[in-house]
């Protein structure tokens, strides 16, 4: 029984906790000028960074406000410009 619990820990729980920690760290390090992708599929550049919300420019003169935790990926610089 202990082996089964240990296997579940190393195969399921530990990787999920590691992934959550990496996402939390990535979201905490977001700054103005980062190109990001959101969970809803929007790609844009961060124009304003608050504690809970970000303003993301998705097109020229079109800025939307998104919750920080909805950012799924920080994209390489220039991705938004080329999209």
N, C-alpha and C. Protein backbone atom coordinates (compact mmCIF):
# COMPACT_ATOMS: atom_id res chain seq x y z
N UNK A 1 0.83 -1.20 0.00
CA UNK A 1 0.00 0.00 0.00
C UNK A 1 0.88 1.26 0.00
N UNK A 2 1.95 1.24 0.77
CA UNK A 2 2.85 2.40 0.83
C UNK A 2 3.52 2.64 -0.52
N UNK A 3 3.85 1.57 -1.22
CA UNK A 3 4.46 1.71 -2.54
C UNK A 3 3.48 2.36 -3.52
N UNK A 4 2.23 1.99 -3.44
CA UNK A 4 1.20 2.57 -4.30
C UNK A 4 1.03 4.07 -4.01
N UNK A 5 1.00 4.43 -2.75
CA UNK A 5 0.87 5.84 -2.37
C UNK A 5 2.10 6.61 -2.84
N UNK A 6 3.28 6.03 -2.66
CA UNK A 6 4.51 6.67 -3.11
C UNK A 6 4.52 6.86 -4.62
N UNK A 7 4.05 5.87 -5.36
CA UNK A 7 3.99 5.98 -6.82
C UNK A 7 3.04 7.09 -7.24
N UNK A 8 1.88 7.18 -6.61
CA UNK A 8 0.94 8.26 -6.92
C UNK A 8 1.56 9.63 -6.64
N UNK A 9 2.29 9.73 -5.53
CA UNK A 9 2.91 11.00 -5.19
C UNK A 9 3.90 11.41 -6.27
N UNK A 10 4.80 10.52 -6.65
CA UNK A 10 5.84 10.87 -7.62
C UNK A 10 5.34 10.97 -9.05
N UNK A 11 4.24 10.32 -9.38
CA UNK A 11 3.75 10.36 -10.75
C UNK A 11 2.65 11.41 -10.98
N UNK A 12 1.90 11.77 -9.94
CA UNK A 12 0.78 12.69 -10.12
C UNK A 12 0.90 13.98 -9.31
N UNK A 13 1.07 13.86 -8.03
CA UNK A 13 1.00 15.03 -7.15
C UNK A 13 2.22 15.93 -7.31
N UNK A 14 3.40 15.37 -7.27
CA UNK A 14 4.63 16.16 -7.33
C UNK A 14 4.75 16.94 -8.65
N UNK A 15 4.55 16.31 -9.81
CA UNK A 15 4.64 17.08 -11.07
C UNK A 15 3.60 18.21 -11.15
N UNK A 16 2.39 17.97 -10.64
CA UNK A 16 1.36 19.00 -10.68
C UNK A 16 1.75 20.18 -9.80
N UNK A 17 2.27 19.91 -8.61
CA UNK A 17 2.72 20.99 -7.72
C UNK A 17 3.86 21.78 -8.35
N UNK A 18 4.77 21.10 -9.03
CA UNK A 18 5.89 21.78 -9.68
C UNK A 18 5.38 22.69 -10.80
N UNK A 19 4.43 22.20 -11.58
CA UNK A 19 3.86 22.99 -12.67
C UNK A 19 3.13 24.22 -12.13
N UNK A 20 2.39 24.06 -11.05
CA UNK A 20 1.68 25.19 -10.44
C UNK A 20 2.66 26.23 -9.93
N UNK A 21 3.76 25.80 -9.33
CA UNK A 21 4.76 26.73 -8.82
C UNK A 21 5.42 27.50 -9.96
N UNK A 22 5.76 26.82 -11.06
CA UNK A 22 6.35 27.48 -12.22
C UNK A 22 5.40 28.53 -12.80
N UNK A 23 4.11 28.22 -12.89
CA UNK A 23 3.14 29.17 -13.42
C UNK A 23 3.00 30.38 -12.49
N UNK A 24 2.94 30.13 -11.20
CA UNK A 24 2.84 31.22 -10.22
C UNK A 24 4.05 32.14 -10.32
N UNK A 25 5.26 31.57 -10.46
CA UNK A 25 6.47 32.38 -10.59
C UNK A 25 6.47 33.19 -11.90
N UNK A 26 6.03 32.55 -13.00
CA UNK A 26 5.99 33.23 -14.29
C UNK A 26 5.04 34.43 -14.23
N UNK A 27 3.87 34.23 -13.65
CA UNK A 27 2.88 35.31 -13.55
C UNK A 27 3.39 36.44 -12.66
N UNK A 28 4.10 36.11 -11.61
CA UNK A 28 4.63 37.13 -10.70
C UNK A 28 5.70 37.99 -11.37
N UNK A 29 6.40 37.45 -12.35
CA UNK A 29 7.50 38.16 -13.01
C UNK A 29 7.07 38.95 -14.24
N UNK A 30 5.78 38.98 -14.56
CA UNK A 30 5.32 39.73 -15.73
C UNK A 30 5.57 41.22 -15.56
N UNK A 31 6.08 41.85 -16.60
CA UNK A 31 6.35 43.29 -16.57
C UNK A 31 5.81 43.92 -17.86
N UNK A 32 5.73 45.22 -17.87
CA UNK A 32 5.27 45.97 -19.04
C UNK A 32 6.23 45.69 -20.19
N UNK A 33 5.66 45.39 -21.35
CA UNK A 33 6.46 45.12 -22.54
C UNK A 33 6.57 43.65 -22.89
N UNK A 34 6.17 42.75 -21.97
CA UNK A 34 6.21 41.32 -22.26
C UNK A 34 5.11 40.96 -23.25
N UNK A 35 5.43 40.07 -24.18
CA UNK A 35 4.43 39.51 -25.08
C UNK A 35 3.87 38.26 -24.41
N UNK A 36 2.54 38.16 -24.34
CA UNK A 36 1.91 37.07 -23.61
C UNK A 36 0.79 36.44 -24.42
N UNK A 37 0.47 35.21 -24.04
CA UNK A 37 -0.71 34.51 -24.57
C UNK A 37 -1.59 34.19 -23.37
N UNK A 38 -2.90 34.39 -23.52
CA UNK A 38 -3.82 34.13 -22.42
C UNK A 38 -4.53 32.80 -22.62
N UNK A 39 -5.22 32.37 -21.58
CA UNK A 39 -5.98 31.12 -21.63
C UNK A 39 -7.10 31.20 -22.67
N UNK A 40 -7.57 32.39 -22.96
CA UNK A 40 -8.63 32.57 -23.95
C UNK A 40 -8.12 32.63 -25.38
N UNK A 41 -6.81 32.58 -25.56
CA UNK A 41 -6.24 32.58 -26.89
C UNK A 41 -5.79 33.93 -27.41
N UNK A 42 -5.89 34.96 -26.60
CA UNK A 42 -5.43 36.28 -27.02
C UNK A 42 -3.92 36.36 -26.95
N UNK A 43 -3.33 37.01 -27.93
CA UNK A 43 -1.90 37.29 -27.93
C UNK A 43 -1.75 38.80 -27.92
N UNK A 44 -0.91 39.31 -27.02
CA UNK A 44 -0.74 40.74 -26.95
C UNK A 44 0.47 41.13 -26.14
N UNK A 45 0.62 42.44 -25.97
CA UNK A 45 1.74 42.99 -25.22
C UNK A 45 1.20 43.66 -23.97
N UNK A 46 1.84 43.40 -22.84
CA UNK A 46 1.43 43.99 -21.56
C UNK A 46 1.76 45.48 -21.60
N UNK A 47 0.73 46.32 -21.36
CA UNK A 47 0.93 47.77 -21.35
C UNK A 47 0.85 48.35 -19.94
N UNK A 48 0.22 47.61 -19.04
CA UNK A 48 0.10 48.06 -17.66
C UNK A 48 -0.01 46.82 -16.78
N UNK A 49 0.76 46.79 -15.70
CA UNK A 49 0.77 45.62 -14.82
C UNK A 49 0.37 46.04 -13.41
N UNK A 50 -0.77 45.52 -12.96
CA UNK A 50 -1.22 45.76 -11.60
C UNK A 50 -1.01 44.50 -10.76
N UNK A 51 -1.49 44.55 -9.55
CA UNK A 51 -1.32 43.41 -8.64
C UNK A 51 -2.16 42.21 -9.08
N UNK A 52 -3.40 42.45 -9.49
CA UNK A 52 -4.30 41.36 -9.88
C UNK A 52 -4.62 41.34 -11.37
N UNK A 53 -4.50 42.49 -12.04
CA UNK A 53 -4.90 42.60 -13.43
C UNK A 53 -3.78 43.14 -14.30
N UNK A 54 -3.84 42.80 -15.58
CA UNK A 54 -2.91 43.32 -16.58
C UNK A 54 -3.71 43.99 -17.68
N UNK A 55 -3.17 45.04 -18.24
CA UNK A 55 -3.74 45.61 -19.47
C UNK A 55 -2.90 45.08 -20.61
N UNK A 56 -3.57 44.45 -21.57
CA UNK A 56 -2.87 43.82 -22.69
C UNK A 56 -3.37 44.44 -23.98
N UNK A 57 -2.43 44.94 -24.78
CA UNK A 57 -2.77 45.51 -26.08
C UNK A 57 -2.83 44.37 -27.08
N UNK A 58 -4.00 44.14 -27.66
CA UNK A 58 -4.19 43.03 -28.60
C UNK A 58 -4.19 43.49 -30.06
N UNK A 59 -4.36 44.77 -30.28
CA UNK A 59 -4.28 45.38 -31.62
C UNK A 59 -3.99 46.86 -31.40
N UNK A 60 -3.71 47.57 -32.48
CA UNK A 60 -3.42 48.99 -32.34
C UNK A 60 -4.59 49.71 -31.69
N UNK A 61 -4.34 50.36 -30.57
CA UNK A 61 -5.33 51.11 -29.80
C UNK A 61 -6.46 50.25 -29.23
N UNK A 62 -6.25 48.95 -29.10
CA UNK A 62 -7.23 48.06 -28.47
C UNK A 62 -6.56 47.40 -27.27
N UNK A 63 -7.00 47.80 -26.08
CA UNK A 63 -6.41 47.29 -24.84
C UNK A 63 -7.50 46.59 -24.04
N UNK A 64 -7.20 45.38 -23.59
CA UNK A 64 -8.14 44.63 -22.76
C UNK A 64 -7.49 44.39 -21.41
N UNK A 65 -8.34 44.24 -20.40
CA UNK A 65 -7.86 43.96 -19.06
C UNK A 65 -8.09 42.48 -18.79
N UNK A 66 -7.04 41.78 -18.34
CA UNK A 66 -7.14 40.36 -18.03
C UNK A 66 -6.58 40.11 -16.63
N UNK A 67 -7.06 39.04 -16.02
CA UNK A 67 -6.53 38.65 -14.73
C UNK A 67 -5.16 38.03 -14.93
N UNK A 68 -4.26 38.28 -14.01
CA UNK A 68 -2.89 37.79 -14.13
C UNK A 68 -2.83 36.28 -14.33
N UNK A 69 -3.62 35.53 -13.57
CA UNK A 69 -3.51 34.07 -13.63
C UNK A 69 -3.99 33.50 -14.95
N UNK A 70 -4.65 34.31 -15.79
CA UNK A 70 -5.11 33.84 -17.10
C UNK A 70 -4.01 33.80 -18.14
N UNK A 71 -2.87 34.40 -17.82
CA UNK A 71 -1.73 34.35 -18.74
C UNK A 71 -1.13 32.95 -18.67
N UNK A 72 -1.07 32.28 -19.81
CA UNK A 72 -0.56 30.92 -19.84
C UNK A 72 0.87 30.83 -20.33
N UNK A 73 1.33 31.86 -21.03
CA UNK A 73 2.64 31.76 -21.63
C UNK A 73 3.21 33.14 -21.88
N UNK A 74 4.51 33.30 -21.60
CA UNK A 74 5.23 34.50 -22.00
C UNK A 74 5.93 34.16 -23.30
N UNK A 75 5.64 34.93 -24.33
CA UNK A 75 6.16 34.66 -25.66
C UNK A 75 7.48 35.39 -25.89
N UNK A 76 8.28 34.91 -26.83
CA UNK A 76 9.53 35.62 -27.16
C UNK A 76 9.25 37.03 -27.66
N UNK A 77 10.18 37.93 -27.40
CA UNK A 77 10.01 39.32 -27.83
C UNK A 77 9.82 39.39 -29.34
N UNK A 78 8.90 40.24 -29.77
CA UNK A 78 8.62 40.41 -31.19
C UNK A 78 7.52 39.51 -31.72
N UNK A 79 7.04 38.57 -30.94
CA UNK A 79 5.98 37.66 -31.40
C UNK A 79 4.71 38.44 -31.70
N UNK A 80 4.35 39.34 -30.82
CA UNK A 80 3.12 40.11 -30.99
C UNK A 80 3.21 41.00 -32.24
N UNK A 81 4.36 41.57 -32.47
CA UNK A 81 4.54 42.45 -33.62
C UNK A 81 4.40 41.67 -34.94
N UNK A 82 4.85 40.43 -34.96
CA UNK A 82 4.81 39.63 -36.18
C UNK A 82 3.49 38.87 -36.36
N UNK A 83 2.64 38.84 -35.34
CA UNK A 83 1.41 38.06 -35.43
C UNK A 83 0.34 38.79 -36.21
